[in-house]
Amino acid sequence: IHAGDHYRELKHLETGRAAHSMAAFGPGDTLKNLGLAIAGEQYEVEE
């Protein structure tokens, strides 16, 4: 839903663009994946 909200705000664009985003890579077990999710959410909230 967030991605869709952001995308609709870009309706004026007519060319491709590069997105530079913090992304957690290196999935593992659920405990590791929760740590990756927490790091991503914390980045969004704090920075």
All heavy atoms as atom14 arrays in JSON, in Angstrom:
{
  "sequence": "IHAGDHYRELKHLETGRAAHSMAAFGPGDTLKNLGLAIAGEQYEVEE",
  "atom14_mask": [
    [1, 1, 1, 1, 1, 1, 1, 1, 0, 0, 0, 0, 0, 0],
    [1, 1, 1, 1, 1, 1, 1, 1, 1, 1, 0, 0, 0, 0],
    [1, 1, 1, 1, 1, 0, 0, 0, 0, 0, 0, 0, 0, 0],
    [1, 1, 1, 1, 0, 0, 0, 0, 0, 0, 0, 0, 0, 0],
    [1, 1, 1, 1, 1, 1, 1, 1, 0, 0, 0, 0, 0, 0],
    [1, 1, 1, 1, 1, 1, 1, 1, 1, 1, 0, 0, 0, 0],
    [1, 1, 1, 1, 1, 1, 1, 1, 1, 1, 1, 1, 0, 0],
    [1, 1, 1, 1, 1, 1, 1, 1, 1, 1, 1, 0, 0, 0],
    [1, 1, 1, 1, 1, 1, 1, 1, 1, 0, 0, 0, 0, 0],
    [1, 1, 1, 1, 1, 1, 1, 1, 0, 0, 0, 0, 0, 0],
    [1, 1, 1, 1, 1, 1, 1, 1, 1, 0, 0, 0, 0, 0],
    [1, 1, 1, 1, 1, 1, 1, 1, 1, 1, 0, 0, 0, 0],
    [1, 1, 1, 1, 1, 1, 1, 1, 0, 0, 0, 0, 0, 0],
    [1, 1, 1, 1, 1, 1, 1, 1, 1, 0, 0, 0, 0, 0],
    [1, 1, 1, 1, 1, 1, 1, 0, 0, 0, 0, 0, 0, 0],
    [1, 1, 1, 1, 0, 0, 0, 0, 0, 0, 0, 0, 0, 0],
    [1, 1, 1, 1, 1, 1, 1, 1, 1, 1, 1, 0, 0, 0],
    [1, 1, 1, 1, 1, 0, 0, 0, 0, 0, 0, 0, 0, 0],
    [1, 1, 1, 1, 1, 0, 0, 0, 0, 0, 0, 0, 0, 0],
    [1, 1, 1, 1, 1, 1, 1, 1, 1, 1, 0, 0, 0, 0],
    [1, 1, 1, 1, 1, 1, 0, 0, 0, 0, 0, 0, 0, 0],
    [1, 1, 1, 1, 1, 1, 1, 1, 0, 0, 0, 0, 0, 0],
    [1, 1, 1, 1, 1, 0, 0, 0, 0, 0, 0, 0, 0, 0],
    [1, 1, 1, 1, 1, 0, 0, 0, 0, 0, 0, 0, 0, 0],
    [1, 1, 1, 1, 1, 1, 1, 1, 1, 1, 1, 0, 0, 0],
    [1, 1, 1, 1, 0, 0, 0, 0, 0, 0, 0, 0, 0, 0],
    [1, 1, 1, 1, 1, 1, 1, 0, 0, 0, 0, 0, 0, 0],
    [1, 1, 1, 1, 0, 0, 0, 0, 0, 0, 0, 0, 0, 0],
    [1, 1, 1, 1, 1, 1, 1, 1, 0, 0, 0, 0, 0, 0],
    [1, 1, 1, 1, 1, 1, 1, 0, 0, 0, 0, 0, 0, 0],
    [1, 1, 1, 1, 1, 1, 1, 1, 0, 0, 0, 0, 0, 0],
    [1, 1, 1, 1, 1, 1, 1, 1, 1, 0, 0, 0, 0, 0],
    [1, 1, 1, 1, 1, 1, 1, 1, 0, 0, 0, 0, 0, 0],
    [1, 1, 1, 1, 1, 1, 1, 1, 0, 0, 0, 0, 0, 0],
    [1, 1, 1, 1, 0, 0, 0, 0, 0, 0, 0, 0, 0, 0],
    [1, 1, 1, 1, 1, 1, 1, 1, 0, 0, 0, 0, 0, 0],
    [1, 1, 1, 1, 1, 0, 0, 0, 0, 0, 0, 0, 0, 0],
    [1, 1, 1, 1, 1, 1, 1, 1, 0, 0, 0, 0, 0, 0],
    [1, 1, 1, 1, 1, 0, 0, 0, 0, 0, 0, 0, 0, 0],
    [1, 1, 1, 1, 0, 0, 0, 0, 0, 0, 0, 0, 0, 0],
    [1, 1, 1, 1, 1, 1, 1, 1, 1, 0, 0, 0, 0, 0],
    [1, 1, 1, 1, 1, 1, 1, 1, 1, 0, 0, 0, 0, 0],
    [1, 1, 1, 1, 1, 1, 1, 1, 1, 1, 1, 1, 0, 0],
    [1, 1, 1, 1, 1, 1, 1, 1, 1, 0, 0, 0, 0, 0],
    [1, 1, 1, 1, 1, 1, 1, 0, 0, 0, 0, 0, 0, 0],
    [1, 1, 1, 1, 1, 1, 1, 1, 1, 0, 0, 0, 0, 0],
    [1, 1, 1, 1, 1, 1, 1, 1, 1, 0, 0, 0, 0, 0]
  ],
  "atom14_positions": [
    [[0.84, -1.21, 0.0], [0.0, 0.0, 0.0], [0.87, 1.24, 0.0], [0.62, 2.2, -0.74], [-0.98, -0.03, 1.19], [-2.01, -1.16, 0.99], [-1.67, 1.33, 1.37], [-2.81, -1.52, 2.23], [0.0, 0.0, 0.0], [0.0, 0.0, 0.0], [0.0, 0.0, 0.0], [0.0, 0.0, 0.0], [0.0, 0.0, 0.0], [0.0, 0.0, 0.0]],
    [[1.93, 1.26, 0.81], [2.84, 2.41, 0.82], [3.47, 2.62, -0.55], [3.53, 3.75, -1.04], [3.96, 2.2, 1.84], [3.48, 2.16, 3.25], [4.25, 1.65, 4.25], [2.33, 2.56, 3.83], [3.6, 1.72, 5.39], [2.41, 2.27, 5.16], [0.0, 0.0, 0.0], [0.0, 0.0, 0.0], [0.0, 0.0, 0.0], [0.0, 0.0, 0.0]],
    [[3.93, 1.54, -1.16], [4.54, 1.65, -2.49], [3.55, 2.23, -3.48], [3.89, 3.1, -4.3], [5.05, 0.28, -2.97], [0.0, 0.0, 0.0], [0.0, 0.0, 0.0], [0.0, 0.0, 0.0], [0.0, 0.0, 0.0], [0.0, 0.0, 0.0], [0.0, 0.0, 0.0], [0.0, 0.0, 0.0], [0.0, 0.0, 0.0], [0.0, 0.0, 0.0]],
    [[2.3, 1.79, -3.41], [1.27, 2.31, -4.31], [1.01, 3.79, -4.08], [0.85, 4.55, -5.05], [0.0, 0.0, 0.0], [0.0, 0.0, 0.0], [0.0, 0.0, 0.0], [0.0, 0.0, 0.0], [0.0, 0.0, 0.0], [0.0, 0.0, 0.0], [0.0, 0.0, 0.0], [0.0, 0.0, 0.0], [0.0, 0.0, 0.0], [0.0, 0.0, 0.0]],
    [[0.97, 4.22, -2.82], [0.79, 5.64, -2.52], [1.93, 6.46, -3.14], [1.7, 7.49, -3.77], [0.75, 5.89, -1.02], [-0.54, 5.43, -0.36], [-1.55, 5.2, -1.07], [-0.55, 5.29, 0.88], [0.0, 0.0, 0.0], [0.0, 0.0, 0.0], [0.0, 0.0, 0.0], [0.0, 0.0, 0.0], [0.0, 0.0, 0.0], [0.0, 0.0, 0.0]],
    [[3.16, 5.99, -2.95], [4.31, 6.71, -3.49], [4.27, 6.72, -5.02], [4.54, 7.74, -5.65], [5.62, 6.07, -3.02], [5.81, 6.08, -1.53], [5.23, 7.0, -0.68], [6.54, 5.27, -0.73], [5.59, 6.75, 0.56], [6.39, 5.71, 0.56], [0.0, 0.0, 0.0], [0.0, 0.0, 0.0], [0.0, 0.0, 0.0], [0.0, 0.0, 0.0]],
    [[3.93, 5.59, -5.6], [3.89, 5.47, -7.07], [2.89, 6.45, -7.67], [3.17, 7.11, -8.68], [3.55, 4.03, -7.45], [3.73, 3.73, -8.92], [4.99, 3.57, -9.47], [2.62, 3.59, -9.75], [5.15, 3.29, -10.81], [2.77, 3.31, -11.1], [4.05, 3.16, -11.62], [4.21, 2.89, -12.95], [0.0, 0.0, 0.0], [0.0, 0.0, 0.0]],
    [[1.72, 6.56, -7.06], [0.7, 7.48, -7.58], [1.15, 8.93, -7.52], [0.76, 9.74, -8.35], [-0.63, 7.28, -6.84], [-1.37, 6.03, -7.32], [-2.72, 5.88, -6.67], [-2.65, 5.55, -5.26], [-2.4, 4.34, -4.77], [-2.19, 3.33, -5.6], [-2.35, 4.12, -3.48], [0.0, 0.0, 0.0], [0.0, 0.0, 0.0], [0.0, 0.0, 0.0]],
    [[2.0, 9.28, -6.56], [2.53, 10.64, -6.49], [3.5, 10.93, -7.64], [3.82, 12.09, -7.89], [3.22, 10.89, -5.14], [2.27, 11.01, -3.97], [1.32, 12.18, -4.08], [1.72, 13.26, -4.57], [0.14, 12.02, -3.69], [0.0, 0.0, 0.0], [0.0, 0.0, 0.0], [0.0, 0.0, 0.0], [0.0, 0.0, 0.0], [0.0, 0.0, 0.0]],
    [[3.96, 9.89, -8.31], [4.93, 10.04, -9.41], [4.26, 9.98, -10.77], [4.92, 9.77, -11.79], [6.01, 8.95, -9.29], [6.88, 9.06, -8.04], [7.68, 7.78, -7.84], [7.79, 10.27, -8.13], [0.0, 0.0, 0.0], [0.0, 0.0, 0.0], [0.0, 0.0, 0.0], [0.0, 0.0, 0.0], [0.0, 0.0, 0.0], [0.0, 0.0, 0.0]],
    [[2.97, 10.21, -10.83], [2.21, 10.08, -12.08], [2.69, 11.02, -13.18], [2.44, 10.78, -14.36], [0.72, 10.27, -11.82], [0.35, 11.63, -11.29], [-1.12, 11.67, -10.91], [-1.47, 12.91, -10.14], [-1.08, 12.89, -8.75], [0.0, 0.0, 0.0], [0.0, 0.0, 0.0], [0.0, 0.0, 0.0], [0.0, 0.0, 0.0], [0.0, 0.0, 0.0]],
    [[3.41, 12.06, -12.83], [3.9, 13.01, -13.82], [5.12, 12.51, -14.6], [5.45, 13.05, -15.64], [4.26, 14.33, -13.13], [5.39, 14.18, -12.15], [5.2, 13.63, -10.9], [6.7, 14.47, -12.26], [6.36, 13.6, -10.26], [7.29, 14.1, -11.06], [0.0, 0.0, 0.0], [0.0, 0.0, 0.0], [0.0, 0.0, 0.0], [0.0, 0.0, 0.0]],
    [[5.77, 11.45, -14.12], [6.99, 10.96, -14.78], [6.66, 10.19, -16.05], [5.66, 9.48, -16.12], [7.78, 10.06, -13.83], [8.41, 10.76, -12.64], [9.13, 9.76, -11.75], [9.37, 11.86, -13.08], [0.0, 0.0, 0.0], [0.0, 0.0, 0.0], [0.0, 0.0, 0.0], [0.0, 0.0, 0.0], [0.0, 0.0, 0.0], [0.0, 0.0, 0.0]],
    [[7.55, 10.3, -17.02], [7.36, 9.59, -18.29], [8.61, 8.83, -18.72], [8.67, 8.33, -19.84], [6.95, 10.59, -19.38], [5.61, 11.23, -19.08], [5.16, 12.21, -20.15], [5.79, 12.27, -21.22], [4.17, 12.9, -19.89], [0.0, 0.0, 0.0], [0.0, 0.0, 0.0], [0.0, 0.0, 0.0], [0.0, 0.0, 0.0], [0.0, 0.0, 0.0]],
    [[9.6, 8.75, -17.85], [10.83, 8.03, -18.18], [11.25, 7.16, -17.0], [10.76, 7.34, -15.89], [11.99, 9.0, -18.49], [12.25, 9.79, -17.31], [11.66, 9.92, -19.64], [0.0, 0.0, 0.0], [0.0, 0.0, 0.0], [0.0, 0.0, 0.0], [0.0, 0.0, 0.0], [0.0, 0.0, 0.0], [0.0, 0.0, 0.0], [0.0, 0.0, 0.0]],
    [[12.14, 6.22, -17.25], [12.65, 5.36, -16.19], [13.59, 6.12, -15.28], [14.26, 7.06, -15.7], [0.0, 0.0, 0.0], [0.0, 0.0, 0.0], [0.0, 0.0, 0.0], [0.0, 0.0, 0.0], [0.0, 0.0, 0.0], [0.0, 0.0, 0.0], [0.0, 0.0, 0.0], [0.0, 0.0, 0.0], [0.0, 0.0, 0.0], [0.0, 0.0, 0.0]],
    [[13.63, 5.72, -14.05], [14.51, 6.32, -13.05], [15.08, 5.23, -12.17], [14.47, 4.18, -12.0], [13.75, 7.31, -12.16], [13.09, 8.45, -12.91], [14.13, 9.47, -13.39], [13.58, 10.44, -14.31], [12.95, 11.54, -13.98], [12.75, 11.83, -12.72], [12.51, 12.35, -14.9], [0.0, 0.0, 0.0], [0.0, 0.0, 0.0], [0.0, 0.0, 0.0]],
    [[16.21, 5.49, -11.57], [16.84, 4.54, -10.64], [16.41, 4.87, -9.22], [16.41, 6.03, -8.81], [18.36, 4.6, -10.76], [0.0, 0.0, 0.0], [0.0, 0.0, 0.0], [0.0, 0.0, 0.0], [0.0, 0.0, 0.0], [0.0, 0.0, 0.0], [0.0, 0.0, 0.0], [0.0, 0.0, 0.0], [0.0, 0.0, 0.0], [0.0, 0.0, 0.0]],
    [[16.06, 3.84, -8.48], [15.72, 3.99, -7.06], [16.91, 3.55, -6.22], [17.5, 2.5, -6.47], [14.5, 3.16, -6.72], [0.0, 0.0, 0.0], [0.0, 0.0, 0.0], [0.0, 0.0, 0.0], [0.0, 0.0, 0.0], [0.0, 0.0, 0.0], [0.0, 0.0, 0.0], [0.0, 0.0, 0.0], [0.0, 0.0, 0.0], [0.0, 0.0, 0.0]],
    [[17.26, 4.36, -5.24], [18.35, 4.05, -4.31], [17.74, 3.89, -2.93], [17.31, 4.87, -2.32], [19.39, 5.17, -4.32], [19.86, 5.5, -5.7], [20.75, 4.71, -6.39], [19.53, 6.51, -6.52], [20.96, 5.24, -7.59], [20.24, 6.33, -7.7], [0.0, 0.0, 0.0], [0.0, 0.0, 0.0], [0.0, 0.0, 0.0], [0.0, 0.0, 0.0]],
    [[17.68, 2.66, -2.47], [16.98, 2.4, -1.22], [17.8, 1.49, -0.32], [18.52, 0.61, -0.8], [15.64, 1.71, -1.52], [14.89, 2.49, -2.41], [0.0, 0.0, 0.0], [0.0, 0.0, 0.0], [0.0, 0.0, 0.0], [0.0, 0.0, 0.0], [0.0, 0.0, 0.0], [0.0, 0.0, 0.0], [0.0, 0.0, 0.0], [0.0, 0.0, 0.0]],
    [[17.64, 1.69, 0.98], [18.26, 0.78, 1.94], [17.49, -0.52, 1.88], [16.27, -0.52, 1.97], [18.15, 1.36, 3.35], [18.96, 0.59, 4.39], [18.18, -0.91, 4.95], [18.51, -0.86, 6.65], [0.0, 0.0, 0.0], [0.0, 0.0, 0.0], [0.0, 0.0, 0.0], [0.0, 0.0, 0.0], [0.0, 0.0, 0.0], [0.0, 0.0, 0.0]],
    [[18.17, -1.6, 1.64], [17.51, -2.89, 1.57], [18.35, -3.93, 2.28], [19.57, -3.93, 2.17], [17.28, -3.31, 0.12], [0.0, 0.0, 0.0], [0.0, 0.0, 0.0], [0.0, 0.0, 0.0], [0.0, 0.0, 0.0], [0.0, 0.0, 0.0], [0.0, 0.0, 0.0], [0.0, 0.0, 0.0], [0.0, 0.0, 0.0], [0.0, 0.0, 0.0]],
    [[17.68, -4.78, 3.04], [18.37, -5.85, 3.76], [18.47, -7.07, 2.87], [17.46, -7.54, 2.34], [17.59, -6.18, 5.03], [0.0, 0.0, 0.0], [0.0, 0.0, 0.0], [0.0, 0.0, 0.0], [0.0, 0.0, 0.0], [0.0, 0.0, 0.0], [0.0, 0.0, 0.0], [0.0, 0.0, 0.0], [0.0, 0.0, 0.0], [0.0, 0.0, 0.0]],
    [[19.66, -7.56, 2.68], [19.88, -8.75, 1.87], [20.52, -9.83, 2.72], [21.03, -9.56, 3.8], [20.74, -8.43, 0.65], [20.04, -7.56, -0.36], [20.26, -6.2, -0.4], [19.12, -8.11, -1.23], [19.6, -5.4, -1.3], [18.44, -7.32, -2.14], [18.69, -5.95, -2.18], [0.0, 0.0, 0.0], [0.0, 0.0, 0.0], [0.0, 0.0, 0.0]],
    [[20.5, -11.05, 2.22], [21.09, -12.16, 2.94], [20.11, -12.84, 3.86], [20.34, -12.95, 5.05], [0.0, 0.0, 0.0], [0.0, 0.0, 0.0], [0.0, 0.0, 0.0], [0.0, 0.0, 0.0], [0.0, 0.0, 0.0], [0.0, 0.0, 0.0], [0.0, 0.0, 0.0], [0.0, 0.0, 0.0], [0.0, 0.0, 0.0], [0.0, 0.0, 0.0]],
    [[18.96, -13.29, 3.32], [17.95, -13.92, 4.17], [18.48, -15.17, 4.84], [19.42, -15.8, 4.37], [16.82, -14.25, 3.2], [17.48, -14.37, 1.87], [18.62, -13.39, 1.9], [0.0, 0.0, 0.0], [0.0, 0.0, 0.0], [0.0, 0.0, 0.0], [0.0, 0.0, 0.0], [0.0, 0.0, 0.0], [0.0, 0.0, 0.0], [0.0, 0.0, 0.0]],
    [[17.85, -15.51, 5.93], [18.27, -16.7, 6.67], [17.08, -17.29, 7.4], [15.97, -17.31, 6.88], [0.0, 0.0, 0.0], [0.0, 0.0, 0.0], [0.0, 0.0, 0.0], [0.0, 0.0, 0.0], [0.0, 0.0, 0.0], [0.0, 0.0, 0.0], [0.0, 0.0, 0.0], [0.0, 0.0, 0.0], [0.0, 0.0, 0.0], [0.0, 0.0, 0.0]],
    [[17.32, -17.73, 8.63], [16.23, -18.26, 9.42], [15.34, -17.1, 9.88], [15.65, -15.93, 9.66], [16.74, -19.1, 10.59], [17.56, -18.32, 11.61], [17.56, -17.07, 11.59], [18.2, -18.96, 12.45], [0.0, 0.0, 0.0], [0.0, 0.0, 0.0], [0.0, 0.0, 0.0], [0.0, 0.0, 0.0], [0.0, 0.0, 0.0], [0.0, 0.0, 0.0]],
    [[14.25, -17.41, 10.52], [13.29, -16.39, 10.9], [13.87, -15.37, 11.86], [13.58, -14.18, 11.76], [12.01, -17.03, 11.46], [11.42, -17.81, 10.41], [11.01, -15.99, 11.93], [0.0, 0.0, 0.0], [0.0, 0.0, 0.0], [0.0, 0.0, 0.0], [0.0, 0.0, 0.0], [0.0, 0.0, 0.0], [0.0, 0.0, 0.0], [0.0, 0.0, 0.0]],
    [[14.71, -15.81, 12.78], [15.31, -14.86, 13.72], [16.17, -13.84, 12.95], [16.09, -12.64, 13.21], [16.13, -15.58, 14.78], [16.67, -14.7, 15.9], [15.53, -13.97, 16.62], [17.48, -15.53, 16.89], [0.0, 0.0, 0.0], [0.0, 0.0, 0.0], [0.0, 0.0, 0.0], [0.0, 0.0, 0.0], [0.0, 0.0, 0.0], [0.0, 0.0, 0.0]],
    [[16.97, -14.32, 12.03], [17.77, -13.4, 11.22], [16.86, -12.49, 10.39], [17.1, -11.28, 10.3], [18.72, -14.15, 10.28], [19.55, -13.21, 9.42], [20.47, -13.93, 8.47], [21.22, -12.93, 7.6], [22.04, -13.58, 6.59], [0.0, 0.0, 0.0], [0.0, 0.0, 0.0], [0.0, 0.0, 0.0], [0.0, 0.0, 0.0], [0.0, 0.0, 0.0]],
    [[15.82, -13.05, 9.79], [14.91, -12.26, 8.96], [14.21, -11.17, 9.78], [14.01, -10.05, 9.29], [13.9, -13.16, 8.27], [14.56, -14.06, 7.23], [15.68, -13.81, 6.79], [13.86, -15.09, 6.84], [0.0, 0.0, 0.0], [0.0, 0.0, 0.0], [0.0, 0.0, 0.0], [0.0, 0.0, 0.0], [0.0, 0.0, 0.0], [0.0, 0.0, 0.0]],
    [[13.84, -11.48, 11.01], [13.25, -10.46, 11.88], [14.26, -9.35, 12.17], [13.9, -8.17, 12.18], [12.74, -11.09, 13.18], [11.43, -11.84, 13.05], [11.2, -12.73, 14.27], [10.26, -10.88, 12.85], [0.0, 0.0, 0.0], [0.0, 0.0, 0.0], [0.0, 0.0, 0.0], [0.0, 0.0, 0.0], [0.0, 0.0, 0.0], [0.0, 0.0, 0.0]],
    [[15.51, -9.72, 12.37], [16.54, -8.71, 12.57], [16.7, -7.8, 11.35], [16.86, -6.58, 11.49], [0.0, 0.0, 0.0], [0.0, 0.0, 0.0], [0.0, 0.0, 0.0], [0.0, 0.0, 0.0], [0.0, 0.0, 0.0], [0.0, 0.0, 0.0], [0.0, 0.0, 0.0], [0.0, 0.0, 0.0], [0.0, 0.0, 0.0], [0.0, 0.0, 0.0]],
    [[16.65, -8.4, 10.15], [16.73, -7.6, 8.92], [15.51, -6.67, 8.81], [15.64, -5.5, 8.42], [16.8, -8.51, 7.7], [18.06, -9.37, 7.55], [17.89, -10.35, 6.39], [19.29, -8.51, 7.36], [0.0, 0.0, 0.0], [0.0, 0.0, 0.0], [0.0, 0.0, 0.0], [0.0, 0.0, 0.0], [0.0, 0.0, 0.0], [0.0, 0.0, 0.0]],
    [[14.33, -7.19, 9.14], [13.11, -6.38, 9.09], [13.18, -5.23, 10.08], [12.83, -4.09, 9.75], [11.89, -7.25, 9.36], [0.0, 0.0, 0.0], [0.0, 0.0, 0.0], [0.0, 0.0, 0.0], [0.0, 0.0, 0.0], [0.0, 0.0, 0.0], [0.0, 0.0, 0.0], [0.0, 0.0, 0.0], [0.0, 0.0, 0.0], [0.0, 0.0, 0.0]],
    [[13.65, -5.51, 11.28], [13.78, -4.47, 12.3], [14.76, -3.39, 11.85], [14.48, -2.19, 11.98], [14.19, -5.08, 13.66], [13.01, -5.86, 14.24], [14.69, -4.02, 14.63], [13.36, -6.77, 15.4], [0.0, 0.0, 0.0], [0.0, 0.0, 0.0], [0.0, 0.0, 0.0], [0.0, 0.0, 0.0], [0.0, 0.0, 0.0], [0.0, 0.0, 0.0]],
    [[15.88, -3.79, 11.28], [16.87, -2.81, 10.8], [16.27, -1.91, 9.72], [16.47, -0.69, 9.73], [18.11, -3.52, 10.27], [0.0, 0.0, 0.0], [0.0, 0.0, 0.0], [0.0, 0.0, 0.0], [0.0, 0.0, 0.0], [0.0, 0.0, 0.0], [0.0, 0.0, 0.0], [0.0, 0.0, 0.0], [0.0, 0.0, 0.0], [0.0, 0.0, 0.0]],
    [[15.5, -2.49, 8.8], [14.88, -1.7, 7.75], [13.83, -0.75, 8.28], [13.79, 0.43, 7.88], [0.0, 0.0, 0.0], [0.0, 0.0, 0.0], [0.0, 0.0, 0.0], [0.0, 0.0, 0.0], [0.0, 0.0, 0.0], [0.0, 0.0, 0.0], [0.0, 0.0, 0.0], [0.0, 0.0, 0.0], [0.0, 0.0, 0.0], [0.0, 0.0, 0.0]],
    [[12.98, -1.22, 9.17], [11.94, -0.36, 9.74], [12.55, 0.75, 10.58], [12.1, 1.89, 10.54], [10.96, -1.2, 10.57], [10.24, -2.3, 9.82], [9.3, -1.81, 8.73], [8.71, -0.72, 8.88], [9.14, -2.53, 7.74], [0.0, 0.0, 0.0], [0.0, 0.0, 0.0], [0.0, 0.0, 0.0], [0.0, 0.0, 0.0], [0.0, 0.0, 0.0]],
    [[13.59, 0.41, 11.34], [14.26, 1.41, 12.17], [14.87, 2.51, 11.3], [14.78, 3.69, 11.63], [15.32, 0.73, 13.04], [15.86, 1.6, 14.12], [16.64, 0.8, 15.14], [16.51, -0.42, 15.24], [17.46, 1.47, 15.9], [0.0, 0.0, 0.0], [0.0, 0.0, 0.0], [0.0, 0.0, 0.0], [0.0, 0.0, 0.0], [0.0, 0.0, 0.0]],
    [[15.49, 2.13, 10.19], [16.05, 3.1, 9.26], [14.95, 4.03, 8.74], [15.13, 5.25, 8.69], [16.74, 2.37, 8.09], [17.08, 3.26, 6.93], [18.14, 4.16, 7.0], [16.33, 3.21, 5.76], [18.44, 4.99, 5.93], [16.63, 4.04, 4.68], [17.69, 4.92, 4.78], [17.97, 5.75, 3.72], [0.0, 0.0, 0.0], [0.0, 0.0, 0.0]],
    [[13.82, 3.46, 8.37], [12.73, 4.29, 7.85], [12.2, 5.26, 8.91], [11.9, 6.41, 8.6], [11.59, 3.41, 7.34], [11.92, 2.67, 6.07], [10.83, 1.74, 5.62], [10.01, 1.28, 6.45], [10.78, 1.47, 4.41], [0.0, 0.0, 0.0], [0.0, 0.0, 0.0], [0.0, 0.0, 0.0], [0.0, 0.0, 0.0], [0.0, 0.0, 0.0]],
    [[12.07, 4.79, 10.15], [11.51, 5.6, 11.23], [12.49, 6.65, 11.72], [12.11, 7.8, 11.98], [11.07, 4.68, 12.4], [10.77, 5.49, 13.66], [9.86, 3.85, 12.0], [0.0, 0.0, 0.0], [0.0, 0.0, 0.0], [0.0, 0.0, 0.0], [0.0, 0.0, 0.0], [0.0, 0.0, 0.0], [0.0, 0.0, 0.0], [0.0, 0.0, 0.0]],
    [[13.75, 6.29, 11.85], [14.72, 7.21, 12.45], [15.43, 8.11, 11.45], [15.89, 9.18, 11.82], [15.76, 6.41, 13.24], [15.16, 5.71, 14.45], [16.17, 4.88, 15.21], [17.37, 4.84, 14.83], [15.76, 4.24, 16.2], [0.0, 0.0, 0.0], [0.0, 0.0, 0.0], [0.0, 0.0, 0.0], [0.0, 0.0, 0.0], [0.0, 0.0, 0.0]],
    [[15.55, 7.67, 10.2], [16.32, 8.45, 9.24], [15.54, 8.82, 7.98], [15.4, 9.99, 7.66], [17.59, 7.67, 8.85], [18.52, 7.45, 10.02], [19.81, 6.77, 9.61], [20.4, 7.19, 8.6], [20.21, 5.83, 10.3], [0.0, 0.0, 0.0], [0.0, 0.0, 0.0], [0.0, 0.0, 0.0], [0.0, 0.0, 0.0], [0.0, 0.0, 0.0]]
  ]
}
